[in-house]
Amino acid sequence: MQPLQSAATELDRQATICNACRYCEGFCSAFGAMHRQREFSVFDLVQMANLCHNCRSCYYACQYTAPHEFNLNLPLALDTLRQHTWREYAYPSGLSEYYRRHAVAVTIVSSVVLSLLFWLMMNPPGGENFYSALSHNLLVALFTPAFVLPLFGVFAGLRRYWRDVGGQKITISQTRRALTEASQLKNLKGGHGEGCNFEDDDRYTRARLWAHHLCMYGFLLCFAATSMATVMHYMLAMPAPYPVFSPPKLAGTIGGVMLIVGCTAMLWLKYRADRALSESAVFASEVAFIASLGWVSLSGLMLYALGRSEWMRPMLALHLGAVMTFFLALPYSKMVHGFFRLAALLREAQLSEGSK
């Protein structure tokens, strides 16, 4: 709790100055939360930090950044507290800091080791699809706990977060507002609606907005493909493999391509960005997350393309190792930002209604 308290103290200093100035009023939801009150508790600041999308418009609009004596760097202060929030609410908490420090090594080693284990579990060669190498029931038995247990860890942390920020019973109107803002990535449009200053202080761009859209909707399409395949297999007695123009194949292929393009764009933008405006200690772990997500998509498409060749079996092992690594790292990777941002938007909808 001490690192979170320290980060909250610095954000409190900067937010108090910003609240007196109000030049950036209306830039994003974080400023709406900031300007609603004059003093902040630790959890007011935690809520505010999770509303920020790090578009950086406020930094380049600010007259109190260095070398001014106030030395404001609000994007960094918000990001620092946000990162501490995710580590504080991670469950089990002991693994969070280890993952942050060794994310690249953990991702690579886990993917390689798990791929090797899947390779060793495969049936002898024979058959035309990957269920001949690993049975459907075995894959379900392995991946159900690998998905459900980390997800349980995420929601355990979200429950604590919701309690600490004073969350109340959620209404339909609040849900609709939060989902609308999340689906449109409203807070990535920048203070002037022209996009982020993520790459250059003199240039607004929507590149980061579109990269996030590709990643978010690509991931949702891939998840929808898996869900549709599950329904078709268990409820409609239509077991895989499915033809090219079936709903699972179309959704998975389109979503996979979107994810590859989106992850590539995100990596390009991250390496071009000014690292002084975000928490530098998590740079490697965020790169590992984006690369891991991109590799899951690329290996899945390669498996689809090589499905009837001699390369199917090694490609299947690599893909399954990548997917399981991604699932197991869920409570500690950057993936949690989507869950916490949606929770913050829901709480902001409640607070906005209460202030009217």
Protein backbone atom coordinates (compact mmCIF):
# COMPACT_ATOMS: atom_id res chain seq x y z
CA MET A 1 0.00 0.00 0.00
CA GLN A 2 2.95 2.35 0.59
CA PRO A 3 3.94 2.75 -3.10
CA LEU A 4 0.30 3.47 -3.96
CA GLN A 5 0.10 6.07 -1.16
CA SER A 6 3.30 7.74 -2.36
CA ALA A 7 2.06 7.90 -5.95
CA ALA A 8 -1.27 9.29 -4.73
CA THR A 9 0.52 12.05 -2.78
CA GLU A 10 2.29 13.31 -5.92
CA LEU A 11 -0.90 13.14 -7.99
CA ASP A 12 -2.73 15.03 -5.25
CA ARG A 13 -0.14 17.84 -5.49
CA GLN A 14 -0.49 18.10 -9.24
CA ALA A 15 -4.29 17.72 -9.30
CA THR A 16 -4.65 20.54 -6.76
CA ILE A 17 -2.71 22.87 -9.07
CA CYS A 18 -4.68 21.68 -12.11
CA ASN A 19 -7.92 22.23 -10.23
CA ALA A 20 -6.98 25.86 -9.61
CA CYS A 21 -6.01 26.46 -13.24
CA ARG A 22 -8.73 24.53 -15.10
CA TYR A 23 -7.29 25.33 -18.52
CA CYS A 24 -7.77 21.66 -19.49
CA GLU A 25 -11.38 21.50 -18.31
CA GLY A 26 -13.37 19.14 -20.53
CA PHE A 27 -10.31 17.43 -22.01
CA CYS A 28 -11.36 13.97 -20.76
CA SER A 29 -13.24 12.15 -18.00
CA ALA A 30 -10.27 12.46 -15.64
CA PHE A 31 -10.69 16.23 -15.56
CA GLY A 32 -14.42 15.89 -14.97
CA ALA A 33 -13.62 13.82 -11.88
CA MET A 34 -10.90 16.27 -10.83
CA HIS A 35 -13.01 19.39 -11.11
CA ARG A 36 -15.95 17.96 -9.22
CA GLN A 37 -14.24 18.44 -5.84
CA ARG A 38 -11.51 20.49 -4.17
CA GLU A 39 -9.88 17.83 -2.00
CA PHE A 40 -9.11 14.21 -2.84
CA SER A 41 -8.84 11.01 -0.87
CA VAL A 42 -6.43 8.29 -2.02
CA PHE A 43 -9.28 6.42 -3.68
CA ASP A 44 -10.61 9.56 -5.38
CA LEU A 45 -7.19 9.76 -7.02
CA VAL A 46 -7.17 6.03 -7.82
CA GLN A 47 -10.51 6.43 -9.57
CA MET A 48 -9.23 9.50 -11.45
CA ALA A 49 -6.08 7.69 -12.58
CA ASN A 50 -8.06 4.83 -14.07
CA LEU A 51 -10.13 7.26 -16.13
CA CYS A 52 -6.98 8.54 -17.86
CA HIS A 53 -6.07 7.01 -21.24
CA ASN A 54 -2.64 8.72 -21.39
CA CYS A 55 -3.47 10.76 -24.51
CA ARG A 56 -1.04 13.46 -23.22
CA SER A 57 -3.03 16.42 -24.54
CA CYS A 58 -3.05 17.99 -21.07
CA TYR A 59 0.76 17.90 -20.83
CA TYR A 60 1.32 19.76 -24.08
CA ALA A 61 -1.42 22.27 -23.24
CA CYS A 62 0.01 22.97 -19.77
CA GLN A 63 1.97 26.13 -18.90
CA TYR A 64 3.28 24.65 -15.63
CA THR A 65 5.43 21.82 -16.97
CA ALA A 66 9.22 21.86 -16.50
CA PRO A 67 11.15 24.13 -16.32
CA HIS A 68 8.35 25.85 -14.38
CA GLU A 69 8.79 25.43 -10.62
CA PHE A 70 5.49 23.53 -10.37
CA ASN A 71 7.03 20.84 -12.62
CA LEU A 72 3.70 19.31 -13.62
CA ASN A 73 3.66 16.05 -15.54
CA LEU A 74 0.08 14.91 -15.09
CA PRO A 75 0.20 12.00 -17.58
CA LEU A 76 3.13 10.48 -15.69
CA ALA A 77 1.53 11.05 -12.26
CA LEU A 78 -1.72 9.46 -13.42
CA ASP A 79 0.06 6.54 -15.07
CA THR A 80 2.24 5.88 -12.03
CA LEU A 81 -0.75 5.68 -9.71
CA ARG A 82 -2.68 3.63 -12.27
CA GLN A 83 0.12 1.07 -12.50
CA HIS A 84 0.35 0.85 -8.71
CA THR A 85 -3.42 0.35 -8.62
CA TRP A 86 -3.26 -2.69 -10.89
CA ARG A 87 -0.44 -4.21 -8.85
CA GLU A 88 -2.19 -3.46 -5.55
CA TYR A 89 -5.42 -5.12 -6.69
CA ALA A 90 -3.78 -8.05 -8.50
CA TYR A 91 -4.68 -11.47 -7.14
CA PRO A 92 -2.67 -13.38 -6.07
CA SER A 93 -0.73 -10.20 -5.31
CA GLY A 94 2.69 -11.78 -4.76
CA LEU A 95 3.21 -12.54 -8.45
CA SER A 96 2.40 -9.04 -9.73
CA GLU A 97 5.71 -7.35 -8.96
CA TYR A 98 7.70 -10.36 -10.18
CA TYR A 99 5.85 -10.28 -13.51
CA ARG A 100 6.44 -6.54 -13.89
CA ARG A 101 10.18 -6.97 -13.41
CA HIS A 102 10.59 -10.06 -15.58
CA ALA A 103 7.66 -9.89 -18.02
CA VAL A 104 9.70 -10.44 -21.18
CA ALA A 105 11.57 -13.46 -19.79
CA VAL A 106 8.41 -14.91 -18.20
CA THR A 107 6.47 -14.55 -21.46
CA ILE A 108 9.16 -16.16 -23.62
CA VAL A 109 10.02 -19.00 -21.22
CA SER A 110 6.38 -19.80 -20.46
CA SER A 111 5.47 -19.86 -24.14
CA VAL A 112 8.39 -22.13 -25.03
CA VAL A 113 7.88 -24.53 -22.10
CA LEU A 114 4.11 -24.79 -22.59
CA SER A 115 4.54 -25.29 -26.35
CA LEU A 116 6.96 -28.13 -25.65
CA LEU A 117 4.51 -29.73 -23.21
CA PHE A 118 1.71 -29.56 -25.76
CA TRP A 119 4.03 -31.12 -28.34
CA LEU A 120 4.83 -33.99 -25.96
CA MET A 121 1.12 -34.60 -25.23
CA MET A 122 0.19 -35.00 -28.89
CA ASN A 123 -1.12 -38.25 -30.32
CA PRO A 124 0.94 -40.09 -32.95
CA PRO A 125 0.70 -38.50 -36.44
CA GLY A 126 -2.48 -39.28 -38.33
CA GLY A 127 -5.63 -37.40 -39.28
CA GLU A 128 -6.25 -34.18 -41.18
CA ASN A 129 -7.12 -31.67 -38.45
CA PHE A 130 -5.60 -30.64 -35.15
CA TYR A 131 -8.17 -32.55 -33.09
CA SER A 132 -6.39 -35.69 -34.30
CA ALA A 133 -3.26 -34.40 -32.52
CA LEU A 134 -4.99 -33.22 -29.32
CA SER A 135 -8.55 -34.20 -28.57
CA HIS A 136 -11.24 -31.58 -28.08
CA ASN A 137 -12.03 -32.86 -24.58
CA LEU A 138 -8.37 -32.62 -23.54
CA LEU A 139 -8.12 -29.03 -24.80
CA VAL A 140 -11.29 -28.10 -22.90
CA ALA A 141 -9.96 -29.75 -19.73
CA LEU A 142 -6.67 -27.83 -19.98
CA PHE A 143 -7.87 -24.43 -21.08
CA THR A 144 -11.01 -24.04 -18.97
CA PRO A 145 -9.13 -23.66 -15.66
CA ALA A 146 -6.32 -21.72 -17.41
CA PHE A 147 -8.94 -19.15 -18.47
CA VAL A 148 -11.40 -19.20 -15.58
CA LEU A 149 -8.96 -19.07 -12.65
CA PRO A 150 -7.00 -15.98 -13.88
CA LEU A 151 -10.31 -14.32 -14.71
CA PHE A 152 -11.47 -15.03 -11.17
CA GLY A 153 -8.29 -13.32 -9.95
CA VAL A 154 -9.08 -10.24 -12.05
CA PHE A 155 -12.63 -9.99 -10.75
CA ALA A 156 -11.46 -10.46 -7.15
CA GLY A 157 -9.29 -7.37 -7.62
CA LEU A 158 -12.10 -5.47 -9.33
CA ARG A 159 -14.41 -6.22 -6.41
CA ARG A 160 -11.92 -4.64 -4.00
CA TYR A 161 -11.44 -1.67 -6.32
CA TRP A 162 -15.20 -1.13 -6.62
CA ARG A 163 -15.59 -1.21 -2.84
CA ASP A 164 -12.69 1.19 -2.24
CA VAL A 165 -13.83 3.82 -4.76
CA GLY A 166 -17.34 3.76 -3.27
CA GLY A 167 -19.08 1.94 -6.09
CA GLN A 168 -22.82 1.43 -5.74
CA LYS A 169 -25.47 -0.68 -7.45
CA ILE A 170 -25.16 -0.21 -11.22
CA THR A 171 -28.17 0.94 -13.25
CA ILE A 172 -28.96 0.31 -16.90
CA SER A 173 -28.39 3.96 -17.83
CA GLN A 174 -24.97 3.96 -16.14
CA THR A 175 -24.02 0.75 -17.92
CA ARG A 176 -25.12 2.17 -21.25
CA ARG A 177 -23.08 5.33 -20.76
CA ALA A 178 -19.93 3.46 -19.68
CA LEU A 179 -20.15 0.93 -22.51
CA THR A 180 -20.72 3.70 -25.06
CA GLU A 181 -17.64 5.61 -23.89
CA ALA A 182 -15.58 2.42 -23.77
CA SER A 183 -16.68 1.20 -27.20
CA GLN A 184 -15.94 4.58 -28.79
CA LEU A 185 -12.72 5.08 -26.78
CA LYS A 186 -13.97 8.59 -26.15
CA ASN A 187 -11.03 9.56 -23.95
CA LEU A 188 -8.49 8.74 -26.67
CA LYS A 189 -9.79 11.52 -28.89
CA GLY A 190 -7.75 14.12 -27.03
CA GLY A 191 -8.74 17.41 -25.48
CA HIS A 192 -9.61 18.99 -28.82
CA GLY A 193 -11.24 15.90 -30.33
CA GLU A 194 -8.45 15.60 -32.89
CA GLY A 195 -6.67 12.67 -31.29
CA CYS A 196 -3.63 12.14 -29.07
CA ASN A 197 -0.32 13.95 -28.79
CA PHE A 198 1.20 10.54 -28.15
CA GLU A 199 3.88 10.81 -30.85
CA ASP A 200 4.73 14.51 -31.02
CA ASP A 201 3.76 17.59 -29.02
CA ASP A 202 2.97 19.61 -32.13
CA ARG A 203 0.98 16.95 -33.91
CA TYR A 204 -2.46 15.59 -33.12
CA THR A 205 -3.12 12.11 -34.47
CA ARG A 206 -5.80 9.46 -34.18
CA ALA A 207 -3.33 6.68 -34.90
CA ARG A 208 -3.42 5.44 -31.31
CA LEU A 209 -7.22 5.58 -31.26
CA TRP A 210 -7.45 3.41 -34.39
CA ALA A 211 -4.75 1.02 -33.16
CA HIS A 212 -6.73 0.51 -29.94
CA HIS A 213 -9.94 0.01 -31.93
CA LEU A 214 -8.26 -2.67 -34.04
CA CYS A 215 -6.92 -4.45 -30.95
CA MET A 216 -10.15 -4.20 -28.96
CA TYR A 217 -12.57 -5.24 -31.69
CA GLY A 218 -10.13 -7.79 -33.11
CA PHE A 219 -9.92 -9.43 -29.67
CA LEU A 220 -13.71 -9.36 -29.29
CA LEU A 221 -14.15 -10.98 -32.70
CA CYS A 222 -11.71 -13.76 -31.77
CA PHE A 223 -13.54 -14.25 -28.48
CA ALA A 224 -16.84 -14.33 -30.37
CA ALA A 225 -15.39 -16.94 -32.74
CA THR A 226 -14.49 -19.19 -29.81
CA SER A 227 -17.91 -18.64 -28.22
CA MET A 228 -19.75 -19.46 -31.45
CA ALA A 229 -17.67 -22.59 -31.93
CA THR A 230 -18.50 -23.69 -28.37
CA VAL A 231 -22.23 -23.21 -28.95
CA MET A 232 -22.08 -25.02 -32.30
CA HIS A 233 -20.12 -27.92 -30.79
CA TYR A 234 -22.08 -28.49 -27.59
CA MET A 235 -25.58 -27.18 -28.33
CA LEU A 236 -26.02 -27.65 -32.08
CA ALA A 237 -24.08 -30.91 -32.45
CA MET A 238 -21.82 -29.31 -35.07
CA PRO A 239 -18.26 -30.29 -34.09
CA ALA A 240 -15.16 -28.65 -35.56
CA PRO A 241 -13.42 -28.29 -37.97
CA TYR A 242 -15.61 -25.68 -39.64
CA PRO A 243 -15.60 -24.50 -43.28
CA VAL A 244 -13.96 -21.27 -44.40
CA PHE A 245 -17.19 -19.25 -44.54
CA SER A 246 -18.63 -20.47 -41.25
CA PRO A 247 -19.23 -17.82 -38.55
CA PRO A 248 -16.37 -18.98 -36.27
CA LYS A 249 -13.84 -19.05 -39.11
CA LEU A 250 -14.87 -15.66 -40.50
CA ALA A 251 -14.90 -13.95 -37.11
CA GLY A 252 -11.60 -15.54 -36.06
CA THR A 253 -9.80 -14.72 -39.30
CA ILE A 254 -10.99 -11.11 -39.47
CA GLY A 255 -10.33 -10.61 -35.75
CA GLY A 256 -6.86 -12.15 -36.03
CA VAL A 257 -5.87 -9.85 -38.90
CA MET A 258 -7.19 -6.82 -36.99
CA LEU A 259 -5.18 -7.82 -33.92
CA ILE A 260 -1.96 -8.25 -35.88
CA VAL A 261 -2.33 -4.84 -37.52
CA GLY A 262 -3.38 -3.20 -34.24
CA CYS A 263 -0.56 -4.74 -32.19
CA THR A 264 2.02 -3.79 -34.82
CA ALA A 265 0.74 -0.20 -34.78
CA MET A 266 0.75 -0.12 -30.97
CA LEU A 267 4.37 -1.28 -30.82
CA TRP A 268 5.38 1.32 -33.42
CA LEU A 269 3.63 4.09 -31.49
CA LYS A 270 5.04 2.96 -28.15
CA TYR A 271 8.62 3.14 -29.41
CA ARG A 272 8.00 6.61 -30.90
CA ALA A 273 6.38 8.02 -27.77
CA ASP A 274 8.06 10.21 -25.16
CA ARG A 275 8.77 7.78 -22.32
CA ALA A 276 9.05 10.63 -19.81
CA LEU A 277 5.24 10.93 -19.90
CA SER A 278 4.49 7.41 -18.69
CA GLU A 279 5.79 4.99 -16.08
CA SER A 280 9.10 3.84 -17.58
CA ALA A 281 9.41 0.83 -15.26
CA VAL A 282 6.53 -0.95 -17.04
CA PHE A 283 7.68 -0.27 -20.61
CA ALA A 284 9.12 -3.77 -21.09
CA SER A 285 6.09 -5.51 -19.58
CA GLU A 286 3.72 -3.54 -21.82
CA VAL A 287 5.79 -4.40 -24.90
CA ALA A 288 5.72 -8.06 -23.79
CA PHE A 289 1.92 -7.92 -23.51
CA ILE A 290 1.41 -6.38 -26.95
CA ALA A 291 3.89 -8.77 -28.56
CA SER A 292 2.25 -11.74 -26.81
CA LEU A 293 -1.19 -10.72 -28.04
CA GLY A 294 0.12 -10.24 -31.56
CA TRP A 295 1.87 -13.63 -31.49
CA VAL A 296 -1.33 -15.37 -30.35
CA SER A 297 -3.09 -13.91 -33.40
CA LEU A 298 -0.28 -14.57 -35.86
CA SER A 299 0.27 -18.16 -34.71
CA GLY A 300 -3.49 -18.79 -34.92
CA LEU A 301 -3.66 -17.59 -38.52
CA MET A 302 -0.54 -19.57 -39.39
CA LEU A 303 -2.13 -22.68 -37.87
CA TYR A 304 -5.20 -22.09 -40.00
CA ALA A 305 -3.08 -21.68 -43.14
CA LEU A 306 -0.92 -24.75 -42.42
CA GLY A 307 -3.75 -26.90 -41.07
CA ARG A 308 -3.42 -29.66 -43.68
CA SER A 309 0.37 -29.70 -43.96
CA GLU A 310 3.17 -31.40 -42.05
CA TRP A 311 3.70 -28.13 -40.18
CA MET A 312 0.31 -28.34 -38.51
CA ARG A 313 1.50 -30.18 -35.39
CA PRO A 314 4.43 -27.88 -34.44
CA MET A 315 2.32 -24.84 -35.28
CA LEU A 316 -0.49 -26.14 -33.08
CA ALA A 317 1.93 -26.58 -30.17
CA LEU A 318 3.29 -23.05 -30.62
CA HIS A 319 -0.19 -21.53 -30.82
CA LEU A 320 -1.53 -23.36 -27.77
CA GLY A 321 1.58 -22.41 -25.77
CA ALA A 322 1.07 -18.76 -26.73
CA VAL A 323 -2.63 -18.79 -25.83
CA MET A 324 -2.11 -20.43 -22.45
CA THR A 325 0.74 -18.03 -21.62
CA PHE A 326 -1.54 -15.12 -22.45
CA PHE A 327 -4.34 -16.49 -20.24
CA LEU A 328 -2.11 -17.27 -17.24
CA ALA A 329 -0.60 -13.76 -17.30
CA LEU A 330 -4.03 -12.10 -17.44
CA PRO A 331 -4.16 -10.77 -13.83
CA TYR A 332 -0.69 -9.19 -14.13
CA SER A 333 -0.41 -8.01 -17.71
CA LYS A 334 -1.64 -4.77 -19.31
CA MET A 335 -4.81 -6.68 -20.25
CA VAL A 336 -6.30 -5.70 -16.87
CA HIS A 337 -6.46 -2.05 -17.95
CA GLY A 338 -9.62 -2.78 -19.95
CA PHE A 339 -11.43 -4.17 -16.90
CA PHE A 340 -10.35 -1.35 -14.57
CA ARG A 341 -11.11 1.39 -17.11
CA LEU A 342 -14.62 0.04 -17.62
CA ALA A 343 -15.12 -0.09 -13.84
CA ALA A 344 -13.83 3.50 -13.57
CA LEU A 345 -16.22 4.65 -16.31
CA LEU A 346 -19.12 2.96 -14.51
CA ARG A 347 -18.20 4.72 -11.26
CA GLU A 348 -17.80 8.02 -13.11
CA ALA A 349 -21.30 7.60 -14.56
CA GLN A 350 -22.63 7.18 -11.02
CA LEU A 351 -20.76 10.21 -9.70
CA SER A 352 -21.83 12.37 -12.64
CA GLU A 353 -25.47 11.47 -12.06
CA GLY A 354 -25.12 12.26 -8.37
CA SER A 355 -23.65 15.71 -9.04
CA LYS A 356 -26.51 16.89 -11.24
